[in-house]
């Protein structure tokens, strides 16, 4: 640990809500999101000496989280096991059903996006990172980020409108 360890620990703790929100958007599963946050925080704390003071800590941890998720997806593809989340059937028959259906439709539409589009949506639209910082996190040019974001928005809009048409 470095001399700035208490400071970085406090700053990481302050970022936890944003990290969790990002993780939920990327993974679209509560348990996977919690695991991803834990992995990212653990890696960040173990490698805190690699973080350069004066740079954006949130961008650094988002990049760690993105890379950890890519590793997890690759591992799952090798294991070839994907299960539906248990909470998908949690509220069947509740008065909560309509809001739940809408949330699930959005969740499904986001899950149908490619990983690169889902991550861009998570960084920019969900977490609210400026385009420049999101491009730095993803290590891509700003033009690539805006193109991906536009394609992701269009795909989401098309998927949601298709779902609305088939539901009526």
C-alpha atoms as a PDB file:
ATOM      1  CA  UNK A   1       0.000   0.000   0.000  1.00  0.00           C
ATOM      2  CA  UNK A   2       1.141   3.529  -0.665  1.00  0.00           C
ATOM      3  CA  UNK A   3       1.030   6.605   1.542  1.00  0.00           C
ATOM      4  CA  UNK A   4      -2.248   7.669  -0.089  1.00  0.00           C
ATOM      5  CA  UNK A   5      -3.960   4.383   0.867  1.00  0.00           C
ATOM      6  CA  UNK A   6      -6.464   5.916   3.311  1.00  0.00           C
ATOM      7  CA  UNK A   7      -7.424   8.514   0.702  1.00  0.00           C
ATOM      8  CA  UNK A   8      -7.866   6.014  -2.118  1.00  0.00           C
ATOM      9  CA  UNK A   9      -9.830   3.688   0.175  1.00  0.00           C
ATOM     10  CA  UNK A  10     -12.212   6.518   1.055  1.00  0.00           C
ATOM     11  CA  UNK A  11     -12.568   7.547  -2.580  1.00  0.00           C
ATOM     12  CA  UNK A  12     -13.271   3.968  -3.665  1.00  0.00           C
ATOM     13  CA  UNK A  13     -15.895   3.635  -0.929  1.00  0.00           C
ATOM     14  CA  UNK A  14     -17.563   6.820  -2.205  1.00  0.00           C
ATOM     15  CA  UNK A  15     -17.676   5.326  -5.723  1.00  0.00           C
ATOM     16  CA  UNK A  16     -19.465   2.120  -4.674  1.00  0.00           C
ATOM     17  CA  UNK A  17     -22.997   3.243  -5.674  1.00  0.00           C
ATOM     18  CA  UNK A  18     -21.775   4.258  -9.148  1.00  0.00           C
ATOM     19  CA  UNK A  19     -19.782   1.050  -9.514  1.00  0.00           C
ATOM     20  CA  UNK A  20     -22.789  -1.034  -8.553  1.00  0.00           C
ATOM     21  CA  UNK A  21     -25.065   0.828 -10.978  1.00  0.00           C
ATOM     22  CA  UNK A  22     -22.551   0.343 -13.785  1.00  0.00           C
ATOM     23  CA  UNK A  23     -22.153  -3.332 -12.930  1.00  0.00           C
ATOM     24  CA  UNK A  24     -25.905  -3.930 -12.928  1.00  0.00           C
ATOM     25  CA  UNK A  25     -26.235  -2.340 -16.327  1.00  0.00           C
ATOM     26  CA  UNK A  26     -23.388  -4.343 -17.779  1.00  0.00           C
ATOM     27  CA  UNK A  27     -24.342  -7.692 -16.224  1.00  0.00           C
ATOM     28  CA  UNK A  28     -28.154  -7.243 -15.951  1.00  0.00           C
ATOM     29  CA  UNK A  29     -28.072  -9.565 -12.948  1.00  0.00           C
ATOM     30  CA  UNK A  30     -27.921  -8.497  -9.296  1.00  0.00           C
ATOM     31  CA  UNK A  31     -25.615 -11.273  -8.102  1.00  0.00           C
ATOM     32  CA  UNK A  32     -23.250 -10.950 -11.050  1.00  0.00           C
ATOM     33  CA  UNK A  33     -23.155  -7.190 -10.487  1.00  0.00           C
ATOM     34  CA  UNK A  34     -22.254  -7.604  -6.815  1.00  0.00           C
ATOM     35  CA  UNK A  35     -19.521 -10.083  -7.728  1.00  0.00           C
ATOM     36  CA  UNK A  36     -18.189  -7.759 -10.424  1.00  0.00           C
ATOM     37  CA  UNK A  37     -18.022  -4.807  -8.019  1.00  0.00           C
ATOM     38  CA  UNK A  38     -16.216  -6.955  -5.482  1.00  0.00           C
ATOM     39  CA  UNK A  39     -13.680  -8.135  -8.057  1.00  0.00           C
ATOM     40  CA  UNK A  40     -13.076  -4.595  -9.336  1.00  0.00           C
ATOM     41  CA  UNK A  41     -12.645  -3.110  -5.862  1.00  0.00           C
ATOM     42  CA  UNK A  42     -10.339  -5.935  -4.828  1.00  0.00           C
ATOM     43  CA  UNK A  43      -8.208  -5.463  -7.939  1.00  0.00           C
ATOM     44  CA  UNK A  44      -8.152  -1.692  -7.461  1.00  0.00           C
ATOM     45  CA  UNK A  45      -7.062  -2.001  -3.831  1.00  0.00           C
ATOM     46  CA  UNK A  46      -4.401  -4.586  -4.655  1.00  0.00           C
ATOM     47  CA  UNK A  47      -3.086  -2.403  -7.471  1.00  0.00           C
ATOM     48  CA  UNK A  48      -3.575   0.993  -5.835  1.00  0.00           C
ATOM     49  CA  UNK A  49       0.099   1.793  -6.384  1.00  0.00           C
ATOM     50  CA  UNK A  50      -0.580   1.720 -10.146  1.00  0.00           C
ATOM     51  CA  UNK A  51      -3.160   4.504  -9.909  1.00  0.00           C
ATOM     52  CA  UNK A  52      -1.633   7.877 -10.656  1.00  0.00           C
ATOM     53  CA  UNK A  53      -2.704  10.652  -8.290  1.00  0.00           C
ATOM     54  CA  UNK A  54      -4.319  13.486 -10.198  1.00  0.00           C
ATOM     55  CA  UNK A  55      -6.053  11.172 -12.662  1.00  0.00           C
ATOM     56  CA  UNK A  56      -9.695  10.133 -12.477  1.00  0.00           C
ATOM     57  CA  UNK A  57     -10.095   7.278 -10.036  1.00  0.00           C
ATOM     58  CA  UNK A  58     -13.586   6.470 -11.309  1.00  0.00           C
ATOM     59  CA  UNK A  59     -12.354   6.036 -14.882  1.00  0.00           C
ATOM     60  CA  UNK A  60      -9.543   3.793 -13.671  1.00  0.00           C
ATOM     61  CA  UNK A  61     -11.913   1.545 -11.706  1.00  0.00           C
ATOM     62  CA  UNK A  62     -14.508   1.485 -14.508  1.00  0.00           C
ATOM     63  CA  UNK A  63     -11.765   0.225 -16.828  1.00  0.00           C
ATOM     64  CA  UNK A  64     -10.819  -2.459 -14.279  1.00  0.00           C
ATOM     65  CA  UNK A  65     -14.480  -3.440 -14.050  1.00  0.00           C
ATOM     66  CA  UNK A  66     -14.913  -3.560 -17.819  1.00  0.00           C
ATOM     67  CA  UNK A  67     -11.881  -5.818 -18.178  1.00  0.00           C
ATOM     68  CA  UNK A  68     -13.054  -8.053 -15.324  1.00  0.00           C
ATOM     69  CA  UNK A  69     -16.444  -8.452 -17.018  1.00  0.00           C
ATOM     70  CA  UNK A  70     -14.820  -9.330 -20.336  1.00  0.00           C
ATOM     71  CA  UNK A  71     -12.797 -11.997 -18.505  1.00  0.00           C
ATOM     72  CA  UNK A  72     -15.971 -13.347 -16.888  1.00  0.00           C
ATOM     73  CA  UNK A  73     -17.891 -13.483 -20.178  1.00  0.00           C
ATOM     74  CA  UNK A  74     -15.031 -15.359 -21.809  1.00  0.00           C
ATOM     75  CA  UNK A  75     -14.923 -17.816 -18.908  1.00  0.00           C
ATOM     76  CA  UNK A  76     -18.677 -18.378 -19.147  1.00  0.00           C
ATOM     77  CA  UNK A  77     -18.451 -18.997 -22.847  1.00  0.00           C
ATOM     78  CA  UNK A  78     -15.851 -21.669 -22.118  1.00  0.00           C
ATOM     79  CA  UNK A  79     -18.088 -23.210 -19.445  1.00  0.00           C
ATOM     80  CA  UNK A  80     -21.144 -22.649 -21.656  1.00  0.00           C
ATOM     81  CA  UNK A  81     -23.507 -22.202 -18.731  1.00  0.00           C
ATOM     82  CA  UNK A  82     -25.945 -19.355 -18.637  1.00  0.00           C
ATOM     83  CA  UNK A  83     -28.879 -19.441 -16.251  1.00  0.00           C
ATOM     84  CA  UNK A  84     -31.906 -17.174 -16.065  1.00  0.00           C
ATOM     85  CA  UNK A  85     -31.762 -15.011 -12.951  1.00  0.00           C
ATOM     86  CA  UNK A  86     -33.847 -16.356 -10.103  1.00  0.00           C
ATOM     87  CA  UNK A  87     -35.561 -13.019  -9.546  1.00  0.00           C
ATOM     88  CA  UNK A  88     -37.035 -13.143 -13.060  1.00  0.00           C
ATOM     89  CA  UNK A  89     -40.065 -14.976 -11.636  1.00  0.00           C
ATOM     90  CA  UNK A  90     -40.051 -13.389  -8.206  1.00  0.00           C
ATOM     91  CA  UNK A  91     -43.140 -11.170  -8.450  1.00  0.00           C
ATOM     92  CA  UNK A  92     -45.488 -13.203 -10.604  1.00  0.00           C
ATOM     93  CA  UNK A  93     -49.093 -12.211  -9.826  1.00  0.00           C
ATOM     94  CA  UNK A  94     -48.238  -9.093  -7.796  1.00  0.00           C
ATOM     95  CA  UNK A  95     -49.846  -5.700  -8.418  1.00  0.00           C
ATOM     96  CA  UNK A  96     -46.265  -4.789  -9.140  1.00  0.00           C
ATOM     97  CA  UNK A  97     -46.518  -6.720 -12.392  1.00  0.00           C
ATOM     98  CA  UNK A  98     -46.919  -3.869 -14.893  1.00  0.00           C
ATOM     99  CA  UNK A  99     -43.895  -1.940 -13.643  1.00  0.00           C
ATOM    100  CA  UNK A 100     -42.000  -5.210 -13.465  1.00  0.00           C
ATOM    101  CA  UNK A 101     -42.920  -6.026 -17.067  1.00  0.00           C
ATOM    102  CA  UNK A 102     -41.718  -2.650 -18.245  1.00  0.00           C
ATOM    103  CA  UNK A 103     -38.453  -3.018 -16.323  1.00  0.00           C
ATOM    104  CA  UNK A 104     -37.986  -6.515 -17.726  1.00  0.00           C
ATOM    105  CA  UNK A 105     -38.661  -5.279 -21.280  1.00  0.00           C
ATOM    106  CA  UNK A 106     -35.968  -2.637 -20.904  1.00  0.00           C
ATOM    107  CA  UNK A 107     -33.636  -5.141 -19.266  1.00  0.00           C
ATOM    108  CA  UNK A 108     -34.245  -7.596 -22.108  1.00  0.00           C
ATOM    109  CA  UNK A 109     -33.647  -4.909 -24.737  1.00  0.00           C
ATOM    110  CA  UNK A 110     -30.364  -3.939 -23.071  1.00  0.00           C
ATOM    111  CA  UNK A 111     -29.349  -7.599 -22.762  1.00  0.00           C
ATOM    112  CA  UNK A 112     -29.821  -8.052 -26.522  1.00  0.00           C
ATOM    113  CA  UNK A 113     -27.191  -5.403 -27.222  1.00  0.00           C
ATOM    114  CA  UNK A 114     -23.641  -6.440 -27.951  1.00  0.00           C
ATOM    115  CA  UNK A 115     -21.193  -6.129 -25.048  1.00  0.00           C
ATOM    116  CA  UNK A 116     -19.578  -3.034 -26.534  1.00  0.00           C
ATOM    117  CA  UNK A 117     -22.953  -1.299 -26.946  1.00  0.00           C
ATOM    118  CA  UNK A 118     -24.153  -2.320 -23.480  1.00  0.00           C
ATOM    119  CA  UNK A 119     -20.952  -0.996 -21.883  1.00  0.00           C
ATOM    120  CA  UNK A 120     -21.264   2.328 -23.742  1.00  0.00           C
ATOM    121  CA  UNK A 121     -24.900   2.633 -22.625  1.00  0.00           C
ATOM    122  CA  UNK A 122     -23.857   1.853 -19.050  1.00  0.00           C
ATOM    123  CA  UNK A 123     -21.087   4.424 -18.945  1.00  0.00           C
ATOM    124  CA  UNK A 124     -22.799   7.300 -20.726  1.00  0.00           C
ATOM    125  CA  UNK A 125     -26.544   6.916 -20.208  1.00  0.00           C
ATOM    126  CA  UNK A 126     -26.706   5.102 -16.891  1.00  0.00           C
ATOM    127  CA  UNK A 127     -23.660   6.410 -15.053  1.00  0.00           C
ATOM    128  CA  UNK A 128     -23.576   9.781 -16.803  1.00  0.00           C
ATOM    129  CA  UNK A 129     -19.901   9.884 -17.698  1.00  0.00           C
ATOM    130  CA  UNK A 130     -19.011  12.581 -20.204  1.00  0.00           C
ATOM    131  CA  UNK A 131     -18.184  11.242 -23.653  1.00  0.00           C
ATOM    132  CA  UNK A 132     -14.491  12.069 -23.297  1.00  0.00           C
ATOM    133  CA  UNK A 133     -14.137  10.139 -20.035  1.00  0.00           C
ATOM    134  CA  UNK A 134     -16.134   7.187 -21.343  1.00  0.00           C
ATOM    135  CA  UNK A 135     -13.871   7.072 -24.399  1.00  0.00           C
ATOM    136  CA  UNK A 136     -10.841   7.061 -22.081  1.00  0.00           C
ATOM    137  CA  UNK A 137     -12.305   4.251 -19.961  1.00  0.00           C
ATOM    138  CA  UNK A 138     -12.902   2.148 -23.067  1.00  0.00           C
ATOM    139  CA  UNK A 139      -9.607   3.241 -24.627  1.00  0.00           C
ATOM    140  CA  UNK A 140     -11.301   4.177 -27.907  1.00  0.00           C
ATOM    141  CA  UNK A 141     -11.459   7.419 -29.927  1.00  0.00           C
ATOM    142  CA  UNK A 142     -14.296   9.839 -29.177  1.00  0.00           C
ATOM    143  CA  UNK A 143     -15.801   9.301 -32.644  1.00  0.00           C
ATOM    144  CA  UNK A 144     -15.957   5.555 -32.070  1.00  0.00           C
ATOM    145  CA  UNK A 145     -17.702   6.126 -28.755  1.00  0.00           C
ATOM    146  CA  UNK A 146     -20.340   8.411 -30.273  1.00  0.00           C
ATOM    147  CA  UNK A 147     -20.907   5.980 -33.157  1.00  0.00           C
ATOM    148  CA  UNK A 148     -21.354   3.062 -30.763  1.00  0.00           C
ATOM    149  CA  UNK A 149     -23.679   5.119 -28.591  1.00  0.00           C
ATOM    150  CA  UNK A 150     -25.820   6.140 -31.565  1.00  0.00           C
ATOM    151  CA  UNK A 151     -26.029   2.557 -32.812  1.00  0.00           C
ATOM    152  CA  UNK A 152     -26.842   1.308 -29.304  1.00  0.00           C
ATOM    153  CA  UNK A 153     -29.608   3.894 -28.858  1.00  0.00           C
ATOM    154  CA  UNK A 154     -31.080   3.011 -32.246  1.00  0.00           C
ATOM    155  CA  UNK A 155     -30.972  -0.711 -31.445  1.00  0.00           C
ATOM    156  CA  UNK A 156     -32.635  -0.117 -28.065  1.00  0.00           C
ATOM    157  CA  UNK A 157     -35.335   2.028 -29.620  1.00  0.00           C
ATOM    158  CA  UNK A 158     -36.015  -0.552 -32.332  1.00  0.00           C
ATOM    159  CA  UNK A 159     -36.130  -3.432 -29.875  1.00  0.00           C
ATOM    160  CA  UNK A 160     -38.449  -1.610 -27.482  1.00  0.00           C
ATOM    161  CA  UNK A 161     -40.796  -0.523 -30.268  1.00  0.00           C
ATOM    162  CA  UNK A 162     -40.858  -4.105 -31.625  1.00  0.00           C
ATOM    163  CA  UNK A 163     -41.700  -5.381 -28.152  1.00  0.00           C
ATOM    164  CA  UNK A 164     -44.477  -2.783 -27.831  1.00  0.00           C
ATOM    165  CA  UNK A 165     -45.942  -3.780 -31.212  1.00  0.00           C
ATOM    166  CA  UNK A 166     -45.978  -7.472 -30.373  1.00  0.00           C
ATOM    167  CA  UNK A 167     -47.482  -6.834 -26.920  1.00  0.00           C
ATOM    168  CA  UNK A 168     -50.554  -5.029 -28.300  1.00  0.00           C
END
